[in-house]
Amino acid sequence: RFGGLTALQNVTFGVDAGIASIIGPNGAGKTTLFNVFTGLYVPDEGEV
């Protein structure tokens, strides 16, 4: 969440091998999710 905006809501995702893509319209939360994955953002809930 960013203030009153929920940018990601209960997202679960994983990869073991190969190529996995994350798609969605502009503003869907894709880059925010990447930022959580790589430590730029700390999630309010959930684990990586």
All heavy atoms as atom14 arrays in JSON, in Angstrom:
{
  "sequence": "RFGGLTALQNVTFGVDAGIASIIGPNGAGKTTLFNVFTGLYVPDEGEV",
  "atom14_mask": [
    [1, 1, 1, 1, 1, 1, 1, 1, 1, 1, 1, 0, 0, 0],
    [1, 1, 1, 1, 1, 1, 1, 1, 1, 1, 1, 0, 0, 0],
    [1, 1, 1, 1, 0, 0, 0, 0, 0, 0, 0, 0, 0, 0],
    [1, 1, 1, 1, 0, 0, 0, 0, 0, 0, 0, 0, 0, 0],
    [1, 1, 1, 1, 1, 1, 1, 1, 0, 0, 0, 0, 0, 0],
    [1, 1, 1, 1, 1, 1, 1, 0, 0, 0, 0, 0, 0, 0],
    [1, 1, 1, 1, 1, 0, 0, 0, 0, 0, 0, 0, 0, 0],
    [1, 1, 1, 1, 1, 1, 1, 1, 0, 0, 0, 0, 0, 0],
    [1, 1, 1, 1, 1, 1, 1, 1, 1, 0, 0, 0, 0, 0],
    [1, 1, 1, 1, 1, 1, 1, 1, 0, 0, 0, 0, 0, 0],
    [1, 1, 1, 1, 1, 1, 1, 0, 0, 0, 0, 0, 0, 0],
    [1, 1, 1, 1, 1, 1, 1, 0, 0, 0, 0, 0, 0, 0],
    [1, 1, 1, 1, 1, 1, 1, 1, 1, 1, 1, 0, 0, 0],
    [1, 1, 1, 1, 0, 0, 0, 0, 0, 0, 0, 0, 0, 0],
    [1, 1, 1, 1, 1, 1, 1, 0, 0, 0, 0, 0, 0, 0],
    [1, 1, 1, 1, 1, 1, 1, 1, 0, 0, 0, 0, 0, 0],
    [1, 1, 1, 1, 1, 0, 0, 0, 0, 0, 0, 0, 0, 0],
    [1, 1, 1, 1, 0, 0, 0, 0, 0, 0, 0, 0, 0, 0],
    [1, 1, 1, 1, 1, 1, 1, 1, 0, 0, 0, 0, 0, 0],
    [1, 1, 1, 1, 1, 0, 0, 0, 0, 0, 0, 0, 0, 0],
    [1, 1, 1, 1, 1, 1, 0, 0, 0, 0, 0, 0, 0, 0],
    [1, 1, 1, 1, 1, 1, 1, 1, 0, 0, 0, 0, 0, 0],
    [1, 1, 1, 1, 1, 1, 1, 1, 0, 0, 0, 0, 0, 0],
    [1, 1, 1, 1, 0, 0, 0, 0, 0, 0, 0, 0, 0, 0],
    [1, 1, 1, 1, 1, 1, 1, 0, 0, 0, 0, 0, 0, 0],
    [1, 1, 1, 1, 1, 1, 1, 1, 0, 0, 0, 0, 0, 0],
    [1, 1, 1, 1, 0, 0, 0, 0, 0, 0, 0, 0, 0, 0],
    [1, 1, 1, 1, 1, 0, 0, 0, 0, 0, 0, 0, 0, 0],
    [1, 1, 1, 1, 0, 0, 0, 0, 0, 0, 0, 0, 0, 0],
    [1, 1, 1, 1, 1, 1, 1, 1, 1, 0, 0, 0, 0, 0],
    [1, 1, 1, 1, 1, 1, 1, 0, 0, 0, 0, 0, 0, 0],
    [1, 1, 1, 1, 1, 1, 1, 0, 0, 0, 0, 0, 0, 0],
    [1, 1, 1, 1, 1, 1, 1, 1, 0, 0, 0, 0, 0, 0],
    [1, 1, 1, 1, 1, 1, 1, 1, 1, 1, 1, 0, 0, 0],
    [1, 1, 1, 1, 1, 1, 1, 1, 0, 0, 0, 0, 0, 0],
    [1, 1, 1, 1, 1, 1, 1, 0, 0, 0, 0, 0, 0, 0],
    [1, 1, 1, 1, 1, 1, 1, 1, 1, 1, 1, 0, 0, 0],
    [1, 1, 1, 1, 1, 1, 1, 0, 0, 0, 0, 0, 0, 0],
    [1, 1, 1, 1, 0, 0, 0, 0, 0, 0, 0, 0, 0, 0],
    [1, 1, 1, 1, 1, 1, 1, 1, 0, 0, 0, 0, 0, 0],
    [1, 1, 1, 1, 1, 1, 1, 1, 1, 1, 1, 1, 0, 0],
    [1, 1, 1, 1, 1, 1, 1, 0, 0, 0, 0, 0, 0, 0],
    [1, 1, 1, 1, 1, 1, 1, 0, 0, 0, 0, 0, 0, 0],
    [1, 1, 1, 1, 1, 1, 1, 1, 0, 0, 0, 0, 0, 0],
    [1, 1, 1, 1, 1, 1, 1, 1, 1, 0, 0, 0, 0, 0],
    [1, 1, 1, 1, 0, 0, 0, 0, 0, 0, 0, 0, 0, 0],
    [1, 1, 1, 1, 1, 1, 1, 1, 1, 0, 0, 0, 0, 0],
    [1, 1, 1, 1, 1, 1, 1, 0, 0, 0, 0, 0, 0, 0]
  ],
  "atom14_positions": [
    [[0.83, -1.2, 0.0], [0.0, 0.0, 0.0], [0.87, 1.25, 0.0], [1.94, 1.28, 0.61], [-0.91, 0.02, 1.23], [-1.79, -1.21, 1.38], [-2.68, -1.12, 2.61], [-3.43, -2.36, 2.82], [-3.0, -3.38, 3.56], [-1.79, -3.3, 4.16], [-3.73, -4.46, 3.7], [0.0, 0.0, 0.0], [0.0, 0.0, 0.0], [0.0, 0.0, 0.0]],
    [[0.39, 2.27, -0.67], [1.01, 3.59, -0.64], [-0.06, 4.57, -0.17], [-0.92, 5.0, -0.96], [1.53, 3.99, -2.03], [2.6, 3.07, -2.56], [2.28, 2.06, -3.44], [3.92, 3.23, -2.17], [3.26, 1.21, -3.94], [4.91, 2.39, -2.65], [4.58, 1.38, -3.53], [0.0, 0.0, 0.0], [0.0, 0.0, 0.0], [0.0, 0.0, 0.0]],
    [[-0.04, 4.89, 1.12], [-1.11, 5.72, 1.67], [-2.43, 4.98, 1.56], [-2.58, 3.84, 2.01], [0.0, 0.0, 0.0], [0.0, 0.0, 0.0], [0.0, 0.0, 0.0], [0.0, 0.0, 0.0], [0.0, 0.0, 0.0], [0.0, 0.0, 0.0], [0.0, 0.0, 0.0], [0.0, 0.0, 0.0], [0.0, 0.0, 0.0], [0.0, 0.0, 0.0]],
    [[-3.41, 5.6, 0.91], [-4.72, 4.98, 0.75], [-4.83, 4.1, -0.48], [-5.88, 3.5, -0.73], [0.0, 0.0, 0.0], [0.0, 0.0, 0.0], [0.0, 0.0, 0.0], [0.0, 0.0, 0.0], [0.0, 0.0, 0.0], [0.0, 0.0, 0.0], [0.0, 0.0, 0.0], [0.0, 0.0, 0.0], [0.0, 0.0, 0.0], [0.0, 0.0, 0.0]],
    [[-3.75, 4.02, -1.28], [-3.78, 3.23, -2.5], [-3.18, 1.84, -2.26], [-2.07, 1.72, -1.76], [-2.98, 3.93, -3.61], [-2.75, 3.14, -4.9], [-4.07, 2.92, -5.62], [-1.75, 3.85, -5.8], [0.0, 0.0, 0.0], [0.0, 0.0, 0.0], [0.0, 0.0, 0.0], [0.0, 0.0, 0.0], [0.0, 0.0, 0.0], [0.0, 0.0, 0.0]],
    [[-3.93, 0.81, -2.63], [-3.41, -0.55, -2.57], [-2.87, -0.9, -3.96], [-3.64, -1.14, -4.89], [-4.5, -1.55, -2.15], [-4.98, -1.19, -0.85], [-3.94, -2.97, -2.11], [0.0, 0.0, 0.0], [0.0, 0.0, 0.0], [0.0, 0.0, 0.0], [0.0, 0.0, 0.0], [0.0, 0.0, 0.0], [0.0, 0.0, 0.0], [0.0, 0.0, 0.0]],
    [[-1.55, -0.93, -4.08], [-0.92, -1.19, -5.37], [-0.87, -2.67, -5.7], [-0.91, -3.07, -6.87], [0.5, -0.61, -5.38], [0.0, 0.0, 0.0], [0.0, 0.0, 0.0], [0.0, 0.0, 0.0], [0.0, 0.0, 0.0], [0.0, 0.0, 0.0], [0.0, 0.0, 0.0], [0.0, 0.0, 0.0], [0.0, 0.0, 0.0], [0.0, 0.0, 0.0]],
    [[-0.76, -3.52, -4.66], [-0.76, -4.97, -4.83], [-1.65, -5.57, -3.75], [-1.58, -5.16, -2.59], [0.65, -5.55, -4.7], [1.67, -5.13, -5.75], [3.07, -5.57, -5.33], [1.33, -5.73, -7.12], [0.0, 0.0, 0.0], [0.0, 0.0, 0.0], [0.0, 0.0, 0.0], [0.0, 0.0, 0.0], [0.0, 0.0, 0.0], [0.0, 0.0, 0.0]],
    [[-2.44, -6.56, -4.13], [-3.37, -7.16, -3.18], [-3.26, -8.69, -3.23], [-3.69, -9.33, -4.19], [-4.81, -6.74, -3.5], [-5.87, -7.34, -2.57], [-5.72, -6.85, -1.14], [-5.61, -5.65, -0.9], [-5.72, -7.78, -0.19], [0.0, 0.0, 0.0], [0.0, 0.0, 0.0], [0.0, 0.0, 0.0], [0.0, 0.0, 0.0], [0.0, 0.0, 0.0]],
    [[-2.59, -9.26, -2.22], [-2.55, -10.7, -2.03], [-2.06, -11.45, -3.27], [-2.68, -12.41, -3.73], [-3.94, -11.21, -1.63], [-3.89, -12.63, -1.07], [-2.91, -13.03, -0.45], [-4.94, -13.39, -1.3], [0.0, 0.0, 0.0], [0.0, 0.0, 0.0], [0.0, 0.0, 0.0], [0.0, 0.0, 0.0], [0.0, 0.0, 0.0], [0.0, 0.0, 0.0]],
    [[-0.93, -11.0, -3.82], [-0.39, -11.61, -5.04], [0.56, -12.75, -4.67], [1.47, -12.58, -3.87], [0.37, -10.57, -5.89], [1.02, -11.24, -7.11], [-0.58, -9.46, -6.34], [0.0, 0.0, 0.0], [0.0, 0.0, 0.0], [0.0, 0.0, 0.0], [0.0, 0.0, 0.0], [0.0, 0.0, 0.0], [0.0, 0.0, 0.0], [0.0, 0.0, 0.0]],
    [[0.34, -13.89, -5.29], [1.21, -15.05, -5.13], [1.79, -15.43, -6.49], [1.06, -15.46, -7.49], [0.43, -16.24, -4.54], [0.04, -15.91, -3.19], [1.27, -17.5, -4.51], [0.0, 0.0, 0.0], [0.0, 0.0, 0.0], [0.0, 0.0, 0.0], [0.0, 0.0, 0.0], [0.0, 0.0, 0.0], [0.0, 0.0, 0.0], [0.0, 0.0, 0.0]],
    [[3.1, -15.68, -6.51], [3.78, -15.94, -7.78], [5.07, -16.69, -7.5], [5.72, -16.47, -6.47], [4.09, -14.61, -8.49], [4.82, -14.78, -9.79], [4.12, -15.03, -10.96], [6.2, -14.67, -9.85], [4.78, -15.19, -12.17], [6.88, -14.82, -11.05], [6.16, -15.08, -12.21], [0.0, 0.0, 0.0], [0.0, 0.0, 0.0], [0.0, 0.0, 0.0]],
    [[5.47, -17.56, -8.41], [6.74, -18.26, -8.24], [7.26, -18.79, -9.55], [6.54, -18.86, -10.55], [0.0, 0.0, 0.0], [0.0, 0.0, 0.0], [0.0, 0.0, 0.0], [0.0, 0.0, 0.0], [0.0, 0.0, 0.0], [0.0, 0.0, 0.0], [0.0, 0.0, 0.0], [0.0, 0.0, 0.0], [0.0, 0.0, 0.0], [0.0, 0.0, 0.0]],
    [[8.53, -19.16, -9.57], [9.14, -19.76, -10.76], [10.24, -20.71, -10.3], [10.99, -20.42, -9.36], [9.69, -18.68, -11.71], [10.79, -17.86, -11.05], [10.19, -19.3, -13.01], [0.0, 0.0, 0.0], [0.0, 0.0, 0.0], [0.0, 0.0, 0.0], [0.0, 0.0, 0.0], [0.0, 0.0, 0.0], [0.0, 0.0, 0.0], [0.0, 0.0, 0.0]],
    [[10.32, -21.85, -10.95], [11.37, -22.83, -10.68], [12.36, -22.94, -11.83], [13.54, -23.21, -11.62], [10.77, -24.21, -10.4], [10.05, -24.26, -9.06], [10.55, -23.65, -8.1], [8.99, -24.91, -8.98], [0.0, 0.0, 0.0], [0.0, 0.0, 0.0], [0.0, 0.0, 0.0], [0.0, 0.0, 0.0], [0.0, 0.0, 0.0], [0.0, 0.0, 0.0]],
    [[11.87, -22.76, -13.06], [12.73, -22.9, -14.23], [12.05, -22.22, -15.41], [10.86, -21.88, -15.36], [12.98, -24.38, -14.53], [0.0, 0.0, 0.0], [0.0, 0.0, 0.0], [0.0, 0.0, 0.0], [0.0, 0.0, 0.0], [0.0, 0.0, 0.0], [0.0, 0.0, 0.0], [0.0, 0.0, 0.0], [0.0, 0.0, 0.0], [0.0, 0.0, 0.0]],
    [[12.83, -22.02, -16.5], [12.26, -21.47, -17.72], [11.98, -19.99, -17.64], [12.58, -19.26, -16.85], [0.0, 0.0, 0.0], [0.0, 0.0, 0.0], [0.0, 0.0, 0.0], [0.0, 0.0, 0.0], [0.0, 0.0, 0.0], [0.0, 0.0, 0.0], [0.0, 0.0, 0.0], [0.0, 0.0, 0.0], [0.0, 0.0, 0.0], [0.0, 0.0, 0.0]],
    [[11.02, -19.54, -18.45], [10.68, -18.12, -18.55], [9.22, -17.92, -18.16], [8.32, -18.53, -18.74], [10.91, -17.59, -19.98], [12.39, -17.73, -20.35], [10.47, -16.13, -20.09], [12.71, -17.29, -21.77], [0.0, 0.0, 0.0], [0.0, 0.0, 0.0], [0.0, 0.0, 0.0], [0.0, 0.0, 0.0], [0.0, 0.0, 0.0], [0.0, 0.0, 0.0]],
    [[9.01, -17.08, -17.16], [7.65, -16.71, -16.73], [7.47, -15.22, -16.97], [8.38, -14.42, -16.69], [7.44, -17.03, -15.26], [0.0, 0.0, 0.0], [0.0, 0.0, 0.0], [0.0, 0.0, 0.0], [0.0, 0.0, 0.0], [0.0, 0.0, 0.0], [0.0, 0.0, 0.0], [0.0, 0.0, 0.0], [0.0, 0.0, 0.0], [0.0, 0.0, 0.0]],
    [[6.33, -14.83, -17.51], [6.06, -13.42, -17.79], [4.94, -12.91, -16.91], [4.0, -13.64, -16.58], [5.67, -13.22, -19.27], [6.76, -13.47, -20.12], [0.0, 0.0, 0.0], [0.0, 0.0, 0.0], [0.0, 0.0, 0.0], [0.0, 0.0, 0.0], [0.0, 0.0, 0.0], [0.0, 0.0, 0.0], [0.0, 0.0, 0.0], [0.0, 0.0, 0.0]],
    [[5.08, -11.64, -16.51], [4.03, -10.93, -15.78], [3.54, -9.82, -16.67], [4.32, -8.94, -17.08], [4.57, -10.37, -14.45], [5.1, -11.5, -13.56], [3.48, -9.58, -13.72], [5.8, -11.0, -12.3], [0.0, 0.0, 0.0], [0.0, 0.0, 0.0], [0.0, 0.0, 0.0], [0.0, 0.0, 0.0], [0.0, 0.0, 0.0], [0.0, 0.0, 0.0]],
    [[2.26, -9.86, -17.01], [1.7, -8.86, -17.9], [0.51, -8.19, -17.22], [0.05, -8.61, -16.16], [1.27, -9.47, -19.25], [0.1, -10.46, -19.06], [2.45, -10.18, -19.91], [-0.49, -10.97, -20.37], [0.0, 0.0, 0.0], [0.0, 0.0, 0.0], [0.0, 0.0, 0.0], [0.0, 0.0, 0.0], [0.0, 0.0, 0.0], [0.0, 0.0, 0.0]],
    [[0.0, -7.14, -17.88], [-1.14, -6.42, -17.35], [-1.18, -5.01, -17.91], [-0.16, -4.5, -18.38], [0.0, 0.0, 0.0], [0.0, 0.0, 0.0], [0.0, 0.0, 0.0], [0.0, 0.0, 0.0], [0.0, 0.0, 0.0], [0.0, 0.0, 0.0], [0.0, 0.0, 0.0], [0.0, 0.0, 0.0], [0.0, 0.0, 0.0], [0.0, 0.0, 0.0]],
    [[-2.33, -4.36, -17.85], [-2.44, -2.98, -18.34], [-1.53, -2.05, -17.55], [-1.03, -2.39, -16.47], [-3.92, -2.64, -18.09], [-4.61, -3.95, -17.89], [-3.61, -4.87, -17.3], [0.0, 0.0, 0.0], [0.0, 0.0, 0.0], [0.0, 0.0, 0.0], [0.0, 0.0, 0.0], [0.0, 0.0, 0.0], [0.0, 0.0, 0.0], [0.0, 0.0, 0.0]],
    [[-1.32, -0.84, -18.09], [-0.54, 0.16, -17.37], [-1.16, 0.41, -16.0], [-2.38, 0.52, -15.86], [-0.5, 1.47, -18.16], [0.34, 1.36, -19.41], [1.26, 0.56, -19.48], [0.03, 2.17, -20.41], [0.0, 0.0, 0.0], [0.0, 0.0, 0.0], [0.0, 0.0, 0.0], [0.0, 0.0, 0.0], [0.0, 0.0, 0.0], [0.0, 0.0, 0.0]],
    [[-0.31, 0.48, -14.97], [-0.8, 0.73, -13.62], [-1.3, -0.51, -12.91], [-1.87, -0.42, -11.81], [0.0, 0.0, 0.0], [0.0, 0.0, 0.0], [0.0, 0.0, 0.0], [0.0, 0.0, 0.0], [0.0, 0.0, 0.0], [0.0, 0.0, 0.0], [0.0, 0.0, 0.0], [0.0, 0.0, 0.0], [0.0, 0.0, 0.0], [0.0, 0.0, 0.0]],
    [[-1.05, -1.68, -13.49], [-1.57, -2.92, -12.89], [-0.78, -3.34, -11.66], [-1.25, -4.15, -10.87], [-1.55, -4.05, -13.92], [0.0, 0.0, 0.0], [0.0, 0.0, 0.0], [0.0, 0.0, 0.0], [0.0, 0.0, 0.0], [0.0, 0.0, 0.0], [0.0, 0.0, 0.0], [0.0, 0.0, 0.0], [0.0, 0.0, 0.0], [0.0, 0.0, 0.0]],
    [[0.46, -2.83, -11.5], [1.27, -3.18, -10.33], [2.48, -4.03, -10.65], [3.16, -4.52, -9.74], [0.0, 0.0, 0.0], [0.0, 0.0, 0.0], [0.0, 0.0, 0.0], [0.0, 0.0, 0.0], [0.0, 0.0, 0.0], [0.0, 0.0, 0.0], [0.0, 0.0, 0.0], [0.0, 0.0, 0.0], [0.0, 0.0, 0.0], [0.0, 0.0, 0.0]],
    [[2.8, -4.18, -11.93], [3.88, -5.09, -12.34], [5.24, -4.63, -11.8], [5.98, -5.43, -11.19], [3.93, -5.17, -13.87], [2.63, -5.64, -14.51], [2.73, -5.75, -16.0], [2.99, -4.43, -16.7], [1.89, -3.45, -16.53], [0.0, 0.0, 0.0], [0.0, 0.0, 0.0], [0.0, 0.0, 0.0], [0.0, 0.0, 0.0], [0.0, 0.0, 0.0]],
    [[5.6, -3.37, -12.03], [6.9, -2.89, -11.57], [6.95, -2.82, -10.05], [8.0, -3.08, -9.44], [7.22, -1.52, -12.2], [7.34, -1.68, -13.63], [8.53, -0.96, -11.67], [0.0, 0.0, 0.0], [0.0, 0.0, 0.0], [0.0, 0.0, 0.0], [0.0, 0.0, 0.0], [0.0, 0.0, 0.0], [0.0, 0.0, 0.0], [0.0, 0.0, 0.0]],
    [[5.84, -2.49, -9.42], [5.79, -2.52, -7.95], [6.1, -3.92, -7.43], [6.84, -4.08, -6.46], [4.4, -2.07, -7.45], [4.15, -0.73, -7.89], [4.33, -2.12, -5.93], [0.0, 0.0, 0.0], [0.0, 0.0, 0.0], [0.0, 0.0, 0.0], [0.0, 0.0, 0.0], [0.0, 0.0, 0.0], [0.0, 0.0, 0.0], [0.0, 0.0, 0.0]],
    [[5.57, -4.93, -8.11], [5.84, -6.31, -7.7], [7.33, -6.63, -7.86], [7.94, -7.23, -6.97], [4.99, -7.27, -8.53], [5.02, -8.74, -8.1], [4.52, -8.91, -6.66], [4.17, -9.59, -9.05], [0.0, 0.0, 0.0], [0.0, 0.0, 0.0], [0.0, 0.0, 0.0], [0.0, 0.0, 0.0], [0.0, 0.0, 0.0], [0.0, 0.0, 0.0]],
    [[7.92, -6.21, -8.96], [9.36, -6.39, -9.15], [10.15, -5.7, -8.04], [11.15, -6.22, -7.55], [9.78, -5.84, -10.51], [10.0, -6.9, -11.57], [9.28, -8.09, -11.55], [10.9, -6.71, -12.59], [9.47, -9.06, -12.52], [11.12, -7.68, -13.57], [10.39, -8.85, -13.54], [0.0, 0.0, 0.0], [0.0, 0.0, 0.0], [0.0, 0.0, 0.0]],
    [[9.71, -4.51, -7.68], [10.41, -3.76, -6.62], [10.33, -4.48, -5.28], [11.27, -4.43, -4.47], [9.83, -2.35, -6.5], [10.22, -1.46, -7.67], [11.16, -1.75, -8.4], [9.47, -0.38, -7.86], [0.0, 0.0, 0.0], [0.0, 0.0, 0.0], [0.0, 0.0, 0.0], [0.0, 0.0, 0.0], [0.0, 0.0, 0.0], [0.0, 0.0, 0.0]],
    [[9.23, -5.17, -5.04], [9.13, -5.99, -3.83], [10.06, -7.2, -3.93], [10.78, -7.53, -2.98], [7.67, -6.45, -3.61], [7.6, -7.51, -2.5], [6.78, -5.26, -3.23], [0.0, 0.0, 0.0], [0.0, 0.0, 0.0], [0.0, 0.0, 0.0], [0.0, 0.0, 0.0], [0.0, 0.0, 0.0], [0.0, 0.0, 0.0], [0.0, 0.0, 0.0]],
    [[10.06, -7.84, -5.09], [10.91, -9.01, -5.28], [12.38, -8.7, -5.01], [13.12, -9.53, -4.48], [10.8, -9.53, -6.72], [9.49, -10.2, -7.05], [9.2, -10.52, -8.37], [8.56, -10.51, -6.08], [8.0, -11.15, -8.71], [7.35, -11.13, -6.4], [7.08, -11.44, -7.73], [0.0, 0.0, 0.0], [0.0, 0.0, 0.0], [0.0, 0.0, 0.0]],
    [[12.82, -7.49, -5.41], [14.25, -7.17, -5.39], [14.65, -6.25, -4.24], [15.77, -5.74, -4.22], [14.67, -6.53, -6.72], [13.84, -5.39, -7.01], [14.54, -7.53, -7.86], [0.0, 0.0, 0.0], [0.0, 0.0, 0.0], [0.0, 0.0, 0.0], [0.0, 0.0, 0.0], [0.0, 0.0, 0.0], [0.0, 0.0, 0.0], [0.0, 0.0, 0.0]],
    [[13.77, -6.03, -3.28], [14.15, -5.32, -2.07], [14.05, -3.81, -2.12], [14.41, -3.14, -1.15], [0.0, 0.0, 0.0], [0.0, 0.0, 0.0], [0.0, 0.0, 0.0], [0.0, 0.0, 0.0], [0.0, 0.0, 0.0], [0.0, 0.0, 0.0], [0.0, 0.0, 0.0], [0.0, 0.0, 0.0], [0.0, 0.0, 0.0], [0.0, 0.0, 0.0]],
    [[13.57, -3.25, -3.23], [13.38, -1.8, -3.28], [12.18, -1.38, -2.44], [12.17, -0.27, -1.9], [13.21, -1.33, -4.73], [14.47, -1.41, -5.6], [14.13, -1.06, -7.05], [15.55, -0.48, -5.07], [0.0, 0.0, 0.0], [0.0, 0.0, 0.0], [0.0, 0.0, 0.0], [0.0, 0.0, 0.0], [0.0, 0.0, 0.0], [0.0, 0.0, 0.0]],
    [[11.17, -2.23, -2.36], [10.01, -2.0, -1.51], [9.88, -3.16, -0.52], [10.16, -4.31, -0.86], [8.71, -1.93, -2.31], [8.57, -0.77, -3.26], [7.66, -0.84, -4.32], [9.31, 0.4, -3.11], [7.49, 0.21, -5.2], [9.15, 1.46, -3.99], [8.25, 1.36, -5.03], [8.09, 2.4, -5.9], [0.0, 0.0, 0.0], [0.0, 0.0, 0.0]],
    [[9.43, -2.84, 0.68], [9.1, -3.86, 1.67], [7.58, -4.03, 1.65], [6.84, -3.05, 1.8], [9.57, -3.45, 3.08], [9.11, -4.48, 4.11], [11.09, -3.3, 3.1], [0.0, 0.0, 0.0], [0.0, 0.0, 0.0], [0.0, 0.0, 0.0], [0.0, 0.0, 0.0], [0.0, 0.0, 0.0], [0.0, 0.0, 0.0], [0.0, 0.0, 0.0]],
    [[7.08, -5.24, 1.45], [5.63, -5.41, 1.39], [4.98, -5.18, 2.75], [5.59, -5.41, 3.79], [5.47, -6.86, 0.93], [6.71, -7.54, 1.43], [7.8, -6.52, 1.3], [0.0, 0.0, 0.0], [0.0, 0.0, 0.0], [0.0, 0.0, 0.0], [0.0, 0.0, 0.0], [0.0, 0.0, 0.0], [0.0, 0.0, 0.0], [0.0, 0.0, 0.0]],
    [[3.74, -4.73, 2.72], [2.99, -4.59, 3.97], [2.55, -5.94, 4.49], [2.4, -6.13, 5.7], [1.76, -3.69, 3.74], [2.18, -2.27, 3.39], [2.75, -1.59, 4.26], [1.96, -1.85, 2.24], [0.0, 0.0, 0.0], [0.0, 0.0, 0.0], [0.0, 0.0, 0.0], [0.0, 0.0, 0.0], [0.0, 0.0, 0.0], [0.0, 0.0, 0.0]],
    [[2.33, -6.87, 3.58], [1.98, -8.24, 3.95], [2.62, -9.18, 2.95], [2.91, -8.81, 1.82], [0.45, -8.45, 3.93], [-0.33, -7.56, 4.87], [-1.82, -7.64, 4.65], [-2.28, -8.63, 4.03], [-2.53, -6.71, 5.07], [0.0, 0.0, 0.0], [0.0, 0.0, 0.0], [0.0, 0.0, 0.0], [0.0, 0.0, 0.0], [0.0, 0.0, 0.0]],
    [[2.85, -10.43, 3.38], [3.36, -11.44, 2.48], [4.83, -11.73, 2.66], [5.52, -11.09, 3.47], [0.0, 0.0, 0.0], [0.0, 0.0, 0.0], [0.0, 0.0, 0.0], [0.0, 0.0, 0.0], [0.0, 0.0, 0.0], [0.0, 0.0, 0.0], [0.0, 0.0, 0.0], [0.0, 0.0, 0.0], [0.0, 0.0, 0.0], [0.0, 0.0, 0.0]],
    [[5.32, -12.7, 1.92], [6.7, -13.14, 2.05], [7.27, -13.48, 0.67], [6.54, -13.85, -0.26], [6.8, -14.36, 2.98], [5.86, -15.49, 2.6], [5.85, -16.59, 3.66], [6.85, -16.72, 4.38], [4.85, -17.32, 3.73], [0.0, 0.0, 0.0], [0.0, 0.0, 0.0], [0.0, 0.0, 0.0], [0.0, 0.0, 0.0], [0.0, 0.0, 0.0]],
    [[8.59, -13.33, 0.56], [9.32, -13.63, -0.66], [10.52, -14.48, -0.27], [11.2, -14.2, 0.72], [9.81, -12.35, -1.38], [10.51, -12.7, -2.69], [8.65, -11.39, -1.63], [0.0, 0.0, 0.0], [0.0, 0.0, 0.0], [0.0, 0.0, 0.0], [0.0, 0.0, 0.0], [0.0, 0.0, 0.0], [0.0, 0.0, 0.0], [0.0, 0.0, 0.0]]
  ]
}
